[in-house]
């Protein structure tokens, strides 16, 4: 009779173990469907496109070239436009020596956004305004060839990275042709 009790206890223990494992498996096997809110293909957060134009500012009746357009960034979900981190780098830093021959010269890169009341215009006449945050602007020089830009305005579907060559005590604004000799790299996270 004691062997029979051992088998009964063993059977009860095995049944309890099988039921526990079965319950744990069904409890832990759940799936959560996550779909990106991005309007871009593949649900990506943002896509940079290289640009090759100039942007202008109205000074009186004249339109003055104020810099060059580097990148147009299409944001997949405008709610997250202020969460982007945009990393810029000059691909060949040796090229900077030719462009920045003056030791005090530098390149200001900054983020801009579409603004119907903006005073600046891209080459395709899109009115834009600068992002007011200090984190949305950086200075590139012969010593600093990379920059991290962080937009501060949410709800933007289109952002623009614009650059201007600044030569303190140099020629008047509007002479930006040297910047087109540089090649830039852009990564968005």
Protein backbone atom coordinates (compact mmCIF):
# COMPACT_ATOMS: atom_id res chain seq x y z
CA UNK A 1 0.00 0.00 0.00
CA UNK A 2 2.87 2.43 0.61
CA UNK A 3 4.10 1.99 -3.00
CA UNK A 4 0.61 2.81 -4.18
CA UNK A 5 0.68 6.02 -2.09
CA UNK A 6 4.02 6.97 -3.61
CA UNK A 7 2.59 6.56 -7.11
CA UNK A 8 -0.49 8.60 -6.21
CA UNK A 9 1.69 11.40 -4.78
CA UNK A 10 4.00 11.22 -7.79
CA UNK A 11 1.01 11.40 -10.16
CA UNK A 12 -0.48 14.34 -8.23
CA UNK A 13 2.86 16.17 -8.26
CA UNK A 14 3.32 15.55 -12.02
CA UNK A 15 -0.22 16.78 -12.72
CA UNK A 16 0.38 19.92 -10.65
CA UNK A 17 3.68 20.55 -12.44
CA UNK A 18 2.12 20.12 -15.90
CA UNK A 19 -0.78 22.43 -15.00
CA UNK A 20 1.58 25.08 -13.61
CA UNK A 21 3.85 25.03 -16.69
CA UNK A 22 0.81 25.10 -18.99
CA UNK A 23 -0.65 28.08 -17.11
CA UNK A 24 2.70 29.93 -17.10
CA UNK A 25 3.12 29.35 -20.83
CA UNK A 26 -0.31 30.72 -21.68
CA UNK A 27 0.13 33.61 -19.28
CA UNK A 28 3.53 34.65 -20.65
CA UNK A 29 2.76 34.21 -24.34
CA UNK A 30 1.06 37.48 -25.15
CA UNK A 31 1.72 39.66 -28.15
CA UNK A 32 1.49 43.41 -28.35
CA UNK A 33 0.89 44.89 -31.77
CA UNK A 34 3.01 48.03 -32.14
CA UNK A 35 2.47 50.12 -35.24
CA UNK A 36 4.46 53.26 -35.95
CA UNK A 37 2.56 56.49 -36.33
CA UNK A 38 4.98 57.61 -39.03
CA UNK A 39 3.63 58.62 -42.44
CA UNK A 40 6.95 57.68 -44.03
CA UNK A 41 7.66 54.36 -45.71
CA UNK A 42 8.75 51.64 -43.31
CA UNK A 43 7.60 53.67 -40.30
CA UNK A 44 10.90 55.55 -40.03
CA UNK A 45 11.14 58.55 -37.74
CA UNK A 46 12.69 60.99 -40.21
CA UNK A 47 14.37 61.08 -43.61
CA UNK A 48 17.08 63.60 -44.55
CA UNK A 49 17.36 64.74 -48.16
CA UNK A 50 20.37 66.62 -49.44
CA UNK A 51 19.65 70.07 -50.85
CA UNK A 52 21.64 72.33 -53.11
CA UNK A 53 20.14 75.76 -52.93
CA UNK A 54 20.44 79.09 -51.21
CA UNK A 55 18.20 80.83 -48.73
CA UNK A 56 17.58 84.54 -48.68
CA UNK A 57 16.50 87.28 -46.35
CA UNK A 58 14.57 90.36 -47.45
CA UNK A 59 16.55 93.53 -46.80
CA UNK A 60 14.42 96.38 -48.01
CA UNK A 61 13.36 95.65 -51.59
CA UNK A 62 16.36 93.40 -52.19
CA UNK A 63 16.70 89.66 -51.62
CA UNK A 64 20.16 88.90 -50.24
CA UNK A 65 21.66 85.38 -50.23
CA UNK A 66 22.22 84.56 -46.59
CA UNK A 67 23.49 80.96 -46.74
CA UNK A 68 23.03 77.56 -48.31
CA UNK A 69 20.51 74.77 -47.80
CA UNK A 70 22.17 71.57 -46.59
CA UNK A 71 19.34 69.17 -45.72
CA UNK A 72 15.57 68.94 -45.81
CA UNK A 73 14.35 66.61 -43.05
CA UNK A 74 10.91 65.11 -43.50
CA UNK A 75 9.57 64.05 -40.10
CA UNK A 76 7.41 60.92 -39.99
CA UNK A 77 5.29 62.02 -37.03
CA UNK A 78 5.20 65.74 -36.30
CA UNK A 79 4.48 65.07 -32.62
CA UNK A 80 8.09 63.96 -32.22
CA UNK A 81 9.82 66.73 -34.17
CA UNK A 82 11.30 68.12 -30.94
CA UNK A 83 12.69 64.69 -29.98
CA UNK A 84 15.03 64.37 -32.95
CA UNK A 85 18.80 64.47 -32.59
CA UNK A 86 20.51 65.53 -35.81
CA UNK A 87 24.21 64.76 -36.10
CA UNK A 88 26.12 66.68 -38.79
CA UNK A 89 29.69 66.20 -39.87
CA UNK A 90 31.95 67.52 -42.59
CA UNK A 91 32.90 64.43 -44.63
CA UNK A 92 36.40 65.64 -45.49
CA UNK A 93 37.65 68.00 -42.76
CA UNK A 94 40.70 68.86 -44.87
CA UNK A 95 38.36 70.78 -47.19
CA UNK A 96 37.64 73.21 -44.37
CA UNK A 97 41.12 74.71 -44.66
CA UNK A 98 40.34 75.88 -48.19
CA UNK A 99 36.96 77.34 -47.25
CA UNK A 100 37.99 78.79 -43.88
CA UNK A 101 41.23 80.44 -44.93
CA UNK A 102 40.66 83.20 -42.38
CA UNK A 103 41.47 81.81 -38.87
CA UNK A 104 38.43 83.64 -37.44
CA UNK A 105 36.01 82.28 -40.04
CA UNK A 106 33.43 79.65 -39.09
CA UNK A 107 30.28 78.04 -40.39
CA UNK A 108 27.01 78.47 -38.52
CA UNK A 109 24.65 75.51 -39.00
CA UNK A 110 21.12 75.75 -37.67
CA UNK A 111 17.68 74.19 -37.80
CA UNK A 112 14.83 76.03 -39.46
CA UNK A 113 11.17 75.17 -39.89
CA UNK A 114 8.39 76.16 -42.28
CA UNK A 115 6.67 79.35 -41.17
CA UNK A 116 4.14 81.22 -43.34
CA UNK A 117 5.26 84.47 -41.68
CA UNK A 118 9.00 83.74 -41.91
CA UNK A 119 11.26 86.48 -43.25
CA UNK A 120 13.68 84.02 -44.85
CA UNK A 121 12.89 82.01 -47.96
CA UNK A 122 14.40 78.86 -49.41
CA UNK A 123 15.30 78.69 -53.07
CA UNK A 124 11.85 77.20 -53.83
CA UNK A 125 10.28 80.23 -52.01
CA UNK A 126 9.26 78.23 -48.93
CA UNK A 127 9.11 80.74 -46.05
CA UNK A 128 11.12 79.57 -43.02
CA UNK A 129 12.06 80.74 -39.53
CA UNK A 130 14.96 79.67 -37.30
CA UNK A 131 14.45 77.40 -34.32
CA UNK A 132 14.87 79.71 -31.29
CA UNK A 133 16.69 77.14 -29.14
CA UNK A 134 20.43 77.46 -28.55
CA UNK A 135 20.64 73.66 -29.05
CA UNK A 136 19.36 74.06 -32.63
CA UNK A 137 22.47 75.99 -33.68
CA UNK A 138 26.13 75.00 -33.84
CA UNK A 139 29.41 76.38 -35.08
CA UNK A 140 31.76 74.39 -37.31
CA UNK A 141 35.40 75.37 -37.65
CA UNK A 142 38.74 73.85 -38.54
CA UNK A 143 38.83 72.37 -35.02
CA UNK A 144 35.18 71.40 -34.68
CA UNK A 145 33.94 69.46 -37.70
CA UNK A 146 30.84 67.81 -36.17
CA UNK A 147 27.67 69.16 -34.59
CA UNK A 148 24.62 67.86 -32.77
CA UNK A 149 21.42 69.82 -33.39
CA UNK A 150 18.28 69.42 -31.27
CA UNK A 151 15.03 71.05 -32.43
CA UNK A 152 12.77 72.60 -29.81
CA UNK A 153 9.55 73.10 -31.75
CA UNK A 154 7.01 70.29 -31.87
CA UNK A 155 4.43 69.76 -34.59
CA UNK A 156 6.81 70.29 -37.51
CA UNK A 157 6.57 67.97 -40.53
CA UNK A 158 9.53 69.61 -42.33
CA UNK A 159 12.82 70.80 -40.84
CA UNK A 160 15.74 72.33 -42.71
CA UNK A 161 19.44 72.42 -41.89
CA UNK A 162 20.90 75.66 -43.23
CA UNK A 163 24.47 76.90 -43.12
CA UNK A 164 26.15 80.24 -43.47
CA UNK A 165 29.79 81.16 -43.77
CA UNK A 166 30.78 83.85 -41.27
CA UNK A 167 33.99 85.81 -41.70
CA UNK A 168 34.30 88.43 -38.94
CA UNK A 169 35.61 91.63 -40.48
CA UNK A 170 35.45 89.99 -43.91
CA UNK A 171 33.33 90.52 -46.99
CA UNK A 172 29.65 91.44 -46.84
CA UNK A 173 26.99 88.77 -46.31
CA UNK A 174 25.86 87.11 -49.49
CA UNK A 175 29.13 85.48 -50.53
CA UNK A 176 28.41 81.83 -49.73
CA UNK A 177 29.75 80.05 -52.83
CA UNK A 178 32.67 78.58 -50.87
CA UNK A 179 30.28 76.51 -48.73
CA UNK A 180 29.14 74.52 -51.76
CA UNK A 181 32.66 73.05 -51.98
CA UNK A 182 32.11 71.18 -48.70
CA UNK A 183 30.38 67.82 -48.32
CA UNK A 184 28.24 67.13 -45.25
CA UNK A 185 26.91 63.95 -43.64
CA UNK A 186 23.65 63.83 -41.69
CA UNK A 187 22.31 61.19 -39.28
CA UNK A 188 19.03 61.44 -37.39
CA UNK A 189 18.14 59.61 -34.19
